[in-house]
Amino acid sequence: MPQSDPKPVRRGVLSELGYFFLKYKMWWLVPAALVLLLLGVLVVLGGSHGVFLIYALF
């Protein structure tokens, strides 16, 4: 009987991004990724009831 390959480990997006930064040593991309993450959070909060929190910050 042939041996089947083990099932690959499924990772999340953030763990894949962290692996990428560790593997290829591109630490200069971390601030850009954090800014994009912050903008995404602000967009999500802007479309919900969290909009009052954003107005309070500015």
Protein backbone atom coordinates (compact mmCIF):
# COMPACT_ATOMS: atom_id res chain seq x y z
CA MET A 1 0.00 0.00 0.00
CA PRO A 2 1.35 3.44 -0.89
CA GLN A 3 1.90 5.89 1.91
CA SER A 4 -0.29 8.98 1.71
CA ASP A 5 1.18 12.38 2.42
CA PRO A 6 0.25 13.88 5.77
CA LYS A 7 -2.42 16.55 5.69
CA PRO A 8 -0.81 20.01 5.45
CA VAL A 9 -1.20 22.29 8.45
CA ARG A 10 -3.67 25.07 7.75
CA ARG A 11 -2.54 28.42 9.09
CA GLY A 12 -4.25 31.75 9.45
CA VAL A 13 -3.41 34.87 7.53
CA LEU A 14 -1.59 36.52 10.42
CA SER A 15 0.52 33.45 11.15
CA GLU A 16 1.45 33.20 7.47
CA LEU A 17 2.42 36.88 7.50
CA GLY A 18 4.53 36.34 10.62
CA TYR A 19 6.22 33.31 9.03
CA PHE A 20 6.97 35.42 5.95
CA PHE A 21 8.60 38.15 8.06
CA LEU A 22 10.69 35.59 9.97
CA LYS A 23 11.69 33.53 6.93
CA TYR A 24 12.67 36.33 4.57
CA LYS A 25 13.75 38.87 7.24
CA MET A 26 11.70 41.71 5.79
CA TRP A 27 11.18 43.58 9.04
CA TRP A 28 10.84 46.89 7.20
CA LEU A 29 7.41 45.68 5.97
CA VAL A 30 6.01 45.37 9.51
CA PRO A 31 5.06 49.08 9.85
CA ALA A 32 3.29 48.98 6.49
CA ALA A 33 1.35 45.86 7.51
CA LEU A 34 0.37 47.48 10.82
CA VAL A 35 -0.88 50.62 9.05
CA LEU A 36 -2.95 48.50 6.66
CA LEU A 37 -4.35 46.53 9.59
CA LEU A 38 -5.25 49.76 11.43
CA LEU A 39 -6.96 51.16 8.33
CA GLY A 40 -8.94 47.94 7.96
CA VAL A 41 -10.09 48.15 11.57
CA LEU A 42 -11.14 51.77 11.08
CA VAL A 43 -13.12 50.87 7.95
CA VAL A 44 -14.92 48.07 9.77
CA LEU A 45 -15.68 50.31 12.75
CA GLY A 46 -16.81 53.11 10.43
CA GLY A 47 -19.46 50.86 8.91
CA SER A 48 -20.85 49.77 12.26
CA HIS A 49 -21.96 51.34 15.51
CA GLY A 50 -18.29 51.87 16.39
CA VAL A 51 -18.34 55.08 14.36
CA PHE A 52 -18.90 57.06 17.56
CA LEU A 53 -15.61 55.72 18.90
CA ILE A 54 -13.78 57.01 15.82
CA TYR A 55 -15.35 60.47 16.16
CA ALA A 56 -14.30 60.54 19.80
CA LEU A 57 -10.70 59.80 18.84
CA PHE A 58 -10.49 62.72 16.41
